[in-house]
Amino acid sequence: MKVINASFFIKEDKRETFLADTKALIAETRKEEGCIEYHLYESVEERNTFIMMEIWADQAAIEIHNQSPLLQKLFGNVADFSAKPPVLRVSELGE
């Protein structure tokens, strides 16, 4: 299994748009084959710092997910939403 943690640092004035986009993305992504978990969490210490936590069955499921129109929309807007660049961490999860 693959684990992805994506950290987002969102501008205050883009918060609601970011949340709307990610809520739609989360709802659709959870229906995708190979998606085991897909959650968005906000830091309790730093407002507008979010972590997207994902667990996928395999790399093939991630590659299909990466073509999702909703994810592509988020990718297209992330520079406008962000106070600083996102941080992406990918790792393998042992069984």
PDB file of N, CA and C in Angstrom:
ATOM      1  N   MET A   1       0.836  -1.181   0.000  1.00  0.00           N
ATOM      2  CA  MET A   1       0.000   0.000   0.000  1.00  0.00           C
ATOM      3  C   MET A   1       0.881   1.245   0.000  1.00  0.00           C
ATOM      4  N   LYS A   2       0.355   2.288  -0.560  1.00  0.00           N
ATOM      5  CA  LYS A   2       1.060   3.576  -0.626  1.00  0.00           C
ATOM      6  C   LYS A   2       0.349   4.584   0.261  1.00  0.00           C
ATOM      7  N   VAL A   3       1.157   5.395   0.956  1.00  0.00           N
ATOM      8  CA  VAL A   3       0.637   6.462   1.799  1.00  0.00           C
ATOM      9  C   VAL A   3       1.132   7.786   1.242  1.00  0.00           C
ATOM     10  N   ILE A   4       0.217   8.726   1.103  1.00  0.00           N
ATOM     11  CA  ILE A   4       0.569  10.073   0.651  1.00  0.00           C
ATOM     12  C   ILE A   4       0.081  11.053   1.711  1.00  0.00           C
ATOM     13  N   ASN A   5       0.968  11.916   2.140  1.00  0.00           N
ATOM     14  CA  ASN A   5       0.617  13.034   3.012  1.00  0.00           C
ATOM     15  C   ASN A   5       0.997  14.306   2.273  1.00  0.00           C
ATOM     16  N   ALA A   6      -0.013  15.097   1.971  1.00  0.00           N
ATOM     17  CA  ALA A   6       0.209  16.366   1.270  1.00  0.00           C
ATOM     18  C   ALA A   6      -0.148  17.501   2.222  1.00  0.00           C
ATOM     19  N   SER A   7       0.822  18.361   2.498  1.00  0.00           N
ATOM     20  CA  SER A   7       0.605  19.505   3.382  1.00  0.00           C
ATOM     21  C   SER A   7       0.313  20.737   2.532  1.00  0.00           C
ATOM     22  N   PHE A   8      -0.748  21.444   2.911  1.00  0.00           N
ATOM     23  CA  PHE A   8      -1.154  22.663   2.210  1.00  0.00           C
ATOM     24  C   PHE A   8      -1.167  23.825   3.189  1.00  0.00           C
ATOM     25  N   PHE A   9      -0.661  24.956   2.753  1.00  0.00           N
ATOM     26  CA  PHE A   9      -0.564  26.169   3.565  1.00  0.00           C
ATOM     27  C   PHE A   9      -1.391  27.239   2.847  1.00  0.00           C
ATOM     28  N   ILE A  10      -2.614  27.387   3.255  1.00  0.00           N
ATOM     29  CA  ILE A  10      -3.611  28.123   2.484  1.00  0.00           C
ATOM     30  C   ILE A  10      -3.751  29.568   2.972  1.00  0.00           C
ATOM     31  N   LYS A  11      -3.863  30.484   2.011  1.00  0.00           N
ATOM     32  CA  LYS A  11      -4.107  31.889   2.328  1.00  0.00           C
ATOM     33  C   LYS A  11      -5.495  32.020   2.966  1.00  0.00           C
ATOM     34  N   GLU A  12      -5.618  32.914   3.930  1.00  0.00           N
ATOM     35  CA  GLU A  12      -6.899  33.097   4.626  1.00  0.00           C
ATOM     36  C   GLU A  12      -8.034  33.412   3.652  1.00  0.00           C
ATOM     37  N   ASP A  13      -7.775  34.271   2.678  1.00  0.00           N
ATOM     38  CA  ASP A  13      -8.843  34.657   1.761  1.00  0.00           C
ATOM     39  C   ASP A  13      -9.192  33.571   0.741  1.00  0.00           C
ATOM     40  N   LYS A  14      -8.435  32.483   0.706  1.00  0.00           N
ATOM     41  CA  LYS A  14      -8.704  31.367  -0.205  1.00  0.00           C
ATOM     42  C   LYS A  14      -9.225  30.133   0.537  1.00  0.00           C
ATOM     43  N   ARG A  15      -9.338  30.239   1.850  1.00  0.00           N
ATOM     44  CA  ARG A  15      -9.720  29.106   2.698  1.00  0.00           C
ATOM     45  C   ARG A  15     -11.032  28.447   2.245  1.00  0.00           C
ATOM     46  N   GLU A  16     -12.084  29.225   2.096  1.00  0.00           N
ATOM     47  CA  GLU A  16     -13.393  28.653   1.786  1.00  0.00           C
ATOM     48  C   GLU A  16     -13.416  28.014   0.401  1.00  0.00           C
ATOM     49  N   THR A  17     -12.743  28.612  -0.559  1.00  0.00           N
ATOM     50  CA  THR A  17     -12.677  28.026  -1.899  1.00  0.00           C
ATOM     51  C   THR A  17     -11.887  26.725  -1.866  1.00  0.00           C
ATOM     52  N   PHE A  18     -10.755  26.725  -1.165  1.00  0.00           N
ATOM     53  CA  PHE A  18      -9.953  25.508  -1.017  1.00  0.00           C
ATOM     54  C   PHE A  18     -10.794  24.405  -0.376  1.00  0.00           C
ATOM     55  N   LEU A  19     -11.491  24.728   0.698  1.00  0.00           N
ATOM     56  CA  LEU A  19     -12.301  23.720   1.390  1.00  0.00           C
ATOM     57  C   LEU A  19     -13.423  23.190   0.495  1.00  0.00           C
ATOM     58  N   ALA A  20     -14.064  24.054  -0.247  1.00  0.00           N
ATOM     59  CA  ALA A  20     -15.124  23.608  -1.162  1.00  0.00           C
ATOM     60  C   ALA A  20     -14.559  22.660  -2.217  1.00  0.00           C
ATOM     61  N   ASP A  21     -13.421  23.024  -2.787  1.00  0.00           N
ATOM     62  CA  ASP A  21     -12.797  22.170  -3.805  1.00  0.00           C
ATOM     63  C   ASP A  21     -12.375  20.829  -3.220  1.00  0.00           C
ATOM     64  N   THR A  22     -11.795  20.848  -2.030  1.00  0.00           N
ATOM     65  CA  THR A  22     -11.319  19.590  -1.449  1.00  0.00           C
ATOM     66  C   THR A  22     -12.475  18.719  -0.963  1.00  0.00           C
ATOM     67  N   LYS A  23     -13.563  19.304  -0.487  1.00  0.00           N
ATOM     68  CA  LYS A  23     -14.713  18.489  -0.064  1.00  0.00           C
ATOM     69  C   LYS A  23     -15.282  17.707  -1.240  1.00  0.00           C
ATOM     70  N   ALA A  24     -15.423  18.351  -2.374  1.00  0.00           N
ATOM     71  CA  ALA A  24     -15.911  17.655  -3.568  1.00  0.00           C
ATOM     72  C   ALA A  24     -14.924  16.574  -3.993  1.00  0.00           C
ATOM     73  N   LEU A  25     -13.640  16.899  -3.973  1.00  0.00           N
ATOM     74  CA  LEU A  25     -12.592  15.938  -4.333  1.00  0.00           C
ATOM     75  C   LEU A  25     -12.619  14.725  -3.415  1.00  0.00           C
ATOM     76  N   ILE A  26     -12.719  14.943  -2.119  1.00  0.00           N
ATOM     77  CA  ILE A  26     -12.727  13.844  -1.154  1.00  0.00           C
ATOM     78  C   ILE A  26     -13.917  12.917  -1.405  1.00  0.00           C
ATOM     79  N   ALA A  27     -15.096  13.486  -1.568  1.00  0.00           N
ATOM     80  CA  ALA A  27     -16.296  12.677  -1.769  1.00  0.00           C
ATOM     81  C   ALA A  27     -16.164  11.770  -3.003  1.00  0.00           C
ATOM     82  N   GLU A  28     -15.650  12.314  -4.085  1.00  0.00           N
ATOM     83  CA  GLU A  28     -15.505  11.519  -5.311  1.00  0.00           C
ATOM     84  C   GLU A  28     -14.350  10.528  -5.221  1.00  0.00           C
ATOM     85  N   THR A  29     -13.251  10.938  -4.604  1.00  0.00           N
ATOM     86  CA  THR A  29     -12.078  10.072  -4.517  1.00  0.00           C
ATOM     87  C   THR A  29     -12.373   8.823  -3.705  1.00  0.00           C
ATOM     88  N   ARG A  30     -13.146   8.956  -2.656  1.00  0.00           N
ATOM     89  CA  ARG A  30     -13.472   7.791  -1.820  1.00  0.00           C
ATOM     90  C   ARG A  30     -14.214   6.710  -2.596  1.00  0.00           C
ATOM     91  N   LYS A  31     -14.784   7.033  -3.727  1.00  0.00           N
ATOM     92  CA  LYS A  31     -15.483   6.061  -4.570  1.00  0.00           C
ATOM     93  C   LYS A  31     -14.544   5.345  -5.529  1.00  0.00           C
ATOM     94  N   GLU A  32     -13.307   5.840  -5.653  1.00  0.00           N
ATOM     95  CA  GLU A  32     -12.373   5.288  -6.633  1.00  0.00           C
ATOM     96  C   GLU A  32     -11.841   3.928  -6.193  1.00  0.00           C
ATOM     97  N   GLU A  33     -11.684   3.062  -7.176  1.00  0.00           N
ATOM     98  CA  GLU A  33     -11.089   1.751  -6.899  1.00  0.00           C
ATOM     99  C   GLU A  33      -9.648   1.946  -6.437  1.00  0.00           C
ATOM    100  N   GLY A  34      -9.280   1.250  -5.383  1.00  0.00           N
ATOM    101  CA  GLY A  34      -7.927   1.338  -4.851  1.00  0.00           C
ATOM    102  C   GLY A  34      -7.742   2.386  -3.777  1.00  0.00           C
ATOM    103  N   CYS A  35      -8.756   3.226  -3.554  1.00  0.00           N
ATOM    104  CA  CYS A  35      -8.689   4.222  -2.482  1.00  0.00           C
ATOM    105  C   CYS A  35      -9.105   3.553  -1.180  1.00  0.00           C
ATOM    106  N   ILE A  36      -8.184   3.491  -0.234  1.00  0.00           N
ATOM    107  CA  ILE A  36      -8.466   2.876   1.059  1.00  0.00           C
ATOM    108  C   ILE A  36      -8.886   3.940   2.067  1.00  0.00           C
ATOM    109  N   GLU A  37      -8.158   5.053   2.099  1.00  0.00           N
ATOM    110  CA  GLU A  37      -8.515   6.180   2.965  1.00  0.00           C
ATOM    111  C   GLU A  37      -8.150   7.478   2.253  1.00  0.00           C
ATOM    112  N   TYR A  38      -8.964   8.518   2.522  1.00  0.00           N
ATOM    113  CA  TYR A  38      -8.708   9.831   1.925  1.00  0.00           C
ATOM    114  C   TYR A  38      -9.338  10.863   2.851  1.00  0.00           C
ATOM    115  N   HIS A  39      -8.513  11.596   3.582  1.00  0.00           N
ATOM    116  CA  HIS A  39      -8.990  12.525   4.604  1.00  0.00           C
ATOM    117  C   HIS A  39      -8.227  13.849   4.530  1.00  0.00           C
ATOM    118  N   LEU A  40      -8.898  14.914   4.937  1.00  0.00           N
ATOM    119  CA  LEU A  40      -8.272  16.224   5.066  1.00  0.00           C
ATOM    120  C   LEU A  40      -8.373  16.648   6.524  1.00  0.00           C
ATOM    121  N   TYR A  41      -7.246  17.024   7.110  1.00  0.00           N
ATOM    122  CA  TYR A  41      -7.188  17.470   8.498  1.00  0.00           C
ATOM    123  C   TYR A  41      -6.556  18.856   8.553  1.00  0.00           C
ATOM    124  N   GLU A  42      -7.010  19.647   9.521  1.00  0.00           N
ATOM    125  CA  GLU A  42      -6.419  20.967   9.742  1.00  0.00           C
ATOM    126  C   GLU A  42      -5.632  20.949  11.044  1.00  0.00           C
ATOM    127  N   SER A  43      -4.488  21.582  11.047  1.00  0.00           N
ATOM    128  CA  SER A  43      -3.667  21.708  12.246  1.00  0.00           C
ATOM    129  C   SER A  43      -4.437  22.457  13.335  1.00  0.00           C
ATOM    130  N   VAL A  44      -4.323  21.982  14.564  1.00  0.00           N
ATOM    131  CA  VAL A  44      -4.941  22.701  15.686  1.00  0.00           C
ATOM    132  C   VAL A  44      -4.050  23.849  16.142  1.00  0.00           C
ATOM    133  N   GLU A  45      -2.815  23.886  15.664  1.00  0.00           N
ATOM    134  CA  GLU A  45      -1.856  24.915  16.062  1.00  0.00           C
ATOM    135  C   GLU A  45      -1.690  26.011  15.019  1.00  0.00           C
ATOM    136  N   GLU A  46      -1.906  25.679  13.745  1.00  0.00           N
ATOM    137  CA  GLU A  46      -1.668  26.625  12.662  1.00  0.00           C
ATOM    138  C   GLU A  46      -2.881  26.665  11.736  1.00  0.00           C
ATOM    139  N   ARG A  47      -3.709  27.682  11.900  1.00  0.00           N
ATOM    140  CA  ARG A  47      -4.894  27.825  11.051  1.00  0.00           C
ATOM    141  C   ARG A  47      -4.474  27.844   9.575  1.00  0.00           C
ATOM    142  N   ASN A  48      -5.270  27.227   8.775  1.00  0.00           N
ATOM    143  CA  ASN A  48      -5.067  27.156   7.326  1.00  0.00           C
ATOM    144  C   ASN A  48      -3.887  26.282   6.907  1.00  0.00           C
ATOM    145  N   THR A  49      -3.399  25.451   7.823  1.00  0.00           N
ATOM    146  CA  THR A  49      -2.422  24.422   7.481  1.00  0.00           C
ATOM    147  C   THR A  49      -3.172  23.098   7.490  1.00  0.00           C
ATOM    148  N   PHE A  50      -3.221  22.472   6.324  1.00  0.00           N
ATOM    149  CA  PHE A  50      -4.002  21.249   6.142  1.00  0.00           C
ATOM    150  C   PHE A  50      -3.101  20.098   5.711  1.00  0.00           C
ATOM    151  N   ILE A  51      -3.492  18.902   6.090  1.00  0.00           N
ATOM    152  CA  ILE A  51      -2.818  17.686   5.641  1.00  0.00           C
ATOM    153  C   ILE A  51      -3.861  16.808   4.954  1.00  0.00           C
ATOM    154  N   MET A  52      -3.595  16.450   3.713  1.00  0.00           N
ATOM    155  CA  MET A  52      -4.416  15.462   3.016  1.00  0.00           C
ATOM    156  C   MET A  52      -3.725  14.128   3.241  1.00  0.00           C
ATOM    157  N   MET A  53      -4.401  13.215   3.925  1.00  0.00           N
ATOM    158  CA  MET A  53      -3.846  11.901   4.235  1.00  0.00           C
ATOM    159  C   MET A  53      -4.537  10.879   3.346  1.00  0.00           C
ATOM    160  N   GLU A  54      -3.738  10.168   2.567  1.00  0.00           N
ATOM    161  CA  GLU A  54      -4.275   9.217   1.603  1.00  0.00           C
ATOM    162  C   GLU A  54      -3.611   7.864   1.782  1.00  0.00           C
ATOM    163  N   ILE A  55      -4.391   6.805   1.648  1.00  0.00           N
ATOM    164  CA  ILE A  55      -3.847   5.448   1.586  1.00  0.00           C
ATOM    165  C   ILE A  55      -4.434   4.795   0.346  1.00  0.00           C
ATOM    166  N   TRP A  56      -3.540   4.261  -0.471  1.00  0.00           N
ATOM    167  CA  TRP A  56      -3.909   3.655  -1.746  1.00  0.00           C
ATOM    168  C   TRP A  56      -3.451   2.206  -1.802  1.00  0.00           C
ATOM    169  N   ALA A  57      -4.190   1.388  -2.517  1.00  0.00           N
ATOM    170  CA  ALA A  57      -3.849  -0.025  -2.670  1.00  0.00           C
ATOM    171  C   ALA A  57      -2.517  -0.199  -3.394  1.00  0.00           C
ATOM    172  N   ASP A  58      -2.279   0.641  -4.411  1.00  0.00           N
ATOM    173  CA  ASP A  58      -1.052   0.498  -5.196  1.00  0.00           C
ATOM    174  C   ASP A  58      -0.818   1.754  -6.046  1.00  0.00           C
ATOM    175  N   GLN A  59       0.309   1.784  -6.717  1.00  0.00           N
ATOM    176  CA  GLN A  59       0.681   2.926  -7.546  1.00  0.00           C
ATOM    177  C   GLN A  59      -0.278   3.104  -8.719  1.00  0.00           C
ATOM    178  N   ALA A  60      -0.785   2.008  -9.245  1.00  0.00           N
ATOM    179  CA  ALA A  60      -1.718   2.101 -10.375  1.00  0.00           C
ATOM    180  C   ALA A  60      -2.971   2.890  -9.985  1.00  0.00           C
ATOM    181  N   ALA A  61      -3.479   2.685  -8.783  1.00  0.00           N
ATOM    182  CA  ALA A  61      -4.663   3.429  -8.315  1.00  0.00           C
ATOM    183  C   ALA A  61      -4.347   4.916  -8.189  1.00  0.00           C
ATOM    184  N   ILE A  62      -3.138   5.235  -7.737  1.00  0.00           N
ATOM    185  CA  ILE A  62      -2.730   6.638  -7.621  1.00  0.00           C
ATOM    186  C   ILE A  62      -2.656   7.291  -8.999  1.00  0.00           C
ATOM    187  N   GLU A  63      -2.101   6.572  -9.949  1.00  0.00           N
ATOM    188  CA  GLU A  63      -1.962   7.130 -11.298  1.00  0.00           C
ATOM    189  C   GLU A  63      -3.321   7.416 -11.926  1.00  0.00           C
ATOM    190  N   ILE A  64      -4.292   6.542 -11.698  1.00  0.00           N
ATOM    191  CA  ILE A  64      -5.647   6.787 -12.195  1.00  0.00           C
ATOM    192  C   ILE A  64      -6.239   7.991 -11.473  1.00  0.00           C
ATOM    193  N   HIS A  65      -6.063   8.048 -10.159  1.00  0.00           N
ATOM    194  CA  HIS A  65      -6.569   9.174  -9.360  1.00  0.00           C
ATOM    195  C   HIS A  65      -5.974  10.504  -9.834  1.00  0.00           C
ATOM    196  N   ASN A  66      -4.715  10.494 -10.174  1.00  0.00           N
ATOM    197  CA  ASN A  66      -4.044  11.728 -10.602  1.00  0.00           C
ATOM    198  C   ASN A  66      -4.655  12.329 -11.866  1.00  0.00           C
ATOM    199  N   GLN A  67      -5.447  11.557 -12.602  1.00  0.00           N
ATOM    200  CA  GLN A  67      -6.117  12.056 -13.807  1.00  0.00           C
ATOM    201  C   GLN A  67      -7.516  12.609 -13.516  1.00  0.00           C
ATOM    202  N   SER A  68      -7.972  12.505 -12.265  1.00  0.00           N
ATOM    203  CA  SER A  68      -9.304  12.968 -11.875  1.00  0.00           C
ATOM    204  C   SER A  68      -9.471  14.449 -12.191  1.00  0.00           C
ATOM    205  N   PRO A  69     -10.583  14.830 -12.823  1.00  0.00           N
ATOM    206  CA  PRO A  69     -10.819  16.249 -13.112  1.00  0.00           C
ATOM    207  C   PRO A  69     -10.825  17.124 -11.851  1.00  0.00           C
ATOM    208  N   LEU A  70     -11.357  16.607 -10.754  1.00  0.00           N
ATOM    209  CA  LEU A  70     -11.381  17.401  -9.520  1.00  0.00           C
ATOM    210  C   LEU A  70      -9.978  17.593  -8.954  1.00  0.00           C
ATOM    211  N   LEU A  71      -9.146  16.565  -9.050  1.00  0.00           N
ATOM    212  CA  LEU A  71      -7.761  16.709  -8.589  1.00  0.00           C
ATOM    213  C   LEU A  71      -6.997  17.650  -9.514  1.00  0.00           C
ATOM    214  N   GLN A  72      -7.219  17.545 -10.798  1.00  0.00           N
ATOM    215  CA  GLN A  72      -6.571  18.447 -11.756  1.00  0.00           C
ATOM    216  C   GLN A  72      -6.978  19.896 -11.491  1.00  0.00           C
ATOM    217  N   LYS A  73      -8.252  20.100 -11.121  1.00  0.00           N
ATOM    218  CA  LYS A  73      -8.715  21.442 -10.774  1.00  0.00           C
ATOM    219  C   LYS A  73      -7.953  21.964  -9.554  1.00  0.00           C
ATOM    220  N   LEU A  74      -7.814  21.126  -8.522  1.00  0.00           N
ATOM    221  CA  LEU A  74      -7.066  21.531  -7.330  1.00  0.00           C
ATOM    222  C   LEU A  74      -5.614  21.841  -7.693  1.00  0.00           C
ATOM    223  N   PHE A  75      -4.982  20.973  -8.484  1.00  0.00           N
ATOM    224  CA  PHE A  75      -3.601  21.224  -8.926  1.00  0.00           C
ATOM    225  C   PHE A  75      -3.498  22.560  -9.641  1.00  0.00           C
ATOM    226  N   GLY A  76      -4.488  22.862 -10.467  1.00  0.00           N
ATOM    227  CA  GLY A  76      -4.465  24.108 -11.222  1.00  0.00           C
ATOM    228  C   GLY A  76      -4.617  25.351 -10.350  1.00  0.00           C
ATOM    229  N   ASN A  77      -5.284  25.200  -9.208  1.00  0.00           N
ATOM    230  CA  ASN A  77      -5.533  26.339  -8.325  1.00  0.00           C
ATOM    231  C   ASN A  77      -4.584  26.432  -7.137  1.00  0.00           C
ATOM    232  N   VAL A  78      -3.808  25.411  -6.892  1.00  0.00           N
ATOM    233  CA  VAL A  78      -3.041  25.349  -5.650  1.00  0.00           C
ATOM    234  C   VAL A  78      -2.056  26.510  -5.504  1.00  0.00           C
ATOM    235  N   ALA A  79      -1.464  26.965  -6.576  1.00  0.00           N
ATOM    236  CA  ALA A  79      -0.532  28.097  -6.472  1.00  0.00           C
ATOM    237  C   ALA A  79      -1.264  29.352  -6.014  1.00  0.00           C
ATOM    238  N   ASP A  80      -2.484  29.541  -6.493  1.00  0.00           N
ATOM    239  CA  ASP A  80      -3.286  30.702  -6.101  1.00  0.00           C
ATOM    240  C   ASP A  80      -3.764  30.581  -4.651  1.00  0.00           C
ATOM    241  N   PHE A  81      -4.062  29.365  -4.210  1.00  0.00           N
ATOM    242  CA  PHE A  81      -4.544  29.126  -2.848  1.00  0.00           C
ATOM    243  C   PHE A  81      -3.445  29.247  -1.800  1.00  0.00           C
ATOM    244  N   SER A  82      -2.208  28.994  -2.195  1.00  0.00           N
ATOM    245  CA  SER A  82      -1.129  28.727  -1.232  1.00  0.00           C
ATOM    246  C   SER A  82      -0.355  29.951  -0.783  1.00  0.00           C
ATOM    247  N   ALA A  83      -0.097  30.002   0.527  1.00  0.00           N
ATOM    248  CA  ALA A  83       0.792  31.010   1.101  1.00  0.00           C
ATOM    249  C   ALA A  83       2.251  30.608   0.893  1.00  0.00           C
ATOM    250  N   LYS A  84       2.493  29.306   0.787  1.00  0.00           N
ATOM    251  CA  LYS A  84       3.808  28.759   0.453  1.00  0.00           C
ATOM    252  C   LYS A  84       3.581  27.410  -0.219  1.00  0.00           C
ATOM    253  N   PRO A  85       4.585  26.884  -0.908  1.00  0.00           N
ATOM    254  CA  PRO A  85       4.379  25.657  -1.684  1.00  0.00           C
ATOM    255  C   PRO A  85       3.959  24.470  -0.813  1.00  0.00           C
ATOM    256  N   PRO A  86       3.089  23.615  -1.365  1.00  0.00           N
ATOM    257  CA  PRO A  86       2.712  22.394  -0.651  1.00  0.00           C
ATOM    258  C   PRO A  86       3.919  21.465  -0.488  1.00  0.00           C
ATOM    259  N   VAL A  87       3.813  20.570   0.478  1.00  0.00           N
ATOM    260  CA  VAL A  87       4.846  19.562   0.715  1.00  0.00           C
ATOM    261  C   VAL A  87       4.187  18.200   0.537  1.00  0.00           C
ATOM    262  N   LEU A  88       4.775  17.371  -0.307  1.00  0.00           N
ATOM    263  CA  LEU A  88       4.231  16.049  -0.602  1.00  0.00           C
ATOM    264  C   LEU A  88       5.190  14.985  -0.105  1.00  0.00           C
ATOM    265  N   ARG A  89       4.649  14.027   0.660  1.00  0.00           N
ATOM    266  CA  ARG A  89       5.441  12.903   1.156  1.00  0.00           C
ATOM    267  C   ARG A  89       4.742  11.608   0.754  1.00  0.00           C
ATOM    268  N   VAL A  90       5.486  10.700   0.134  1.00  0.00           N
ATOM    269  CA  VAL A  90       4.943   9.417  -0.304  1.00  0.00           C
ATOM    270  C   VAL A  90       5.780   8.318   0.340  1.00  0.00           C
ATOM    271  N   SER A  91       5.089   7.305   0.879  1.00  0.00           N
ATOM    272  CA  SER A  91       5.812   6.197   1.495  1.00  0.00           C
ATOM    273  C   SER A  91       5.040   4.902   1.299  1.00  0.00           C
ATOM    274  N   GLU A  92       5.699   3.806   1.570  1.00  0.00           N
ATOM    275  CA  GLU A  92       5.095   2.487   1.514  1.00  0.00           C
ATOM    276  C   GLU A  92       4.604   2.110   2.895  1.00  0.00           C
ATOM    277  N   LEU A  93       3.454   1.476   2.953  1.00  0.00           N
ATOM    278  CA  LEU A  93       2.895   1.016   4.217  1.00  0.00           C
ATOM    279  C   LEU A  93       3.030  -0.492   4.268  1.00  0.00           C
ATOM    280  N   GLY A  94       3.744  -0.976   5.272  1.00  0.00           N
ATOM    281  CA  GLY A  94       3.910  -2.414   5.430  1.00  0.00           C
ATOM    282  C   GLY A  94       2.611  -3.065   5.857  1.00  0.00           C
ATOM    283  N   GLU A  95       2.449  -4.299   5.459  1.00  0.00           N
ATOM    284  CA  GLU A  95       1.223  -5.043   5.819  1.00  0.00           C
ATOM    285  C   GLU A  95       1.308  -5.541   7.241  1.00  0.00           C
TER     286      GLU A  95
END
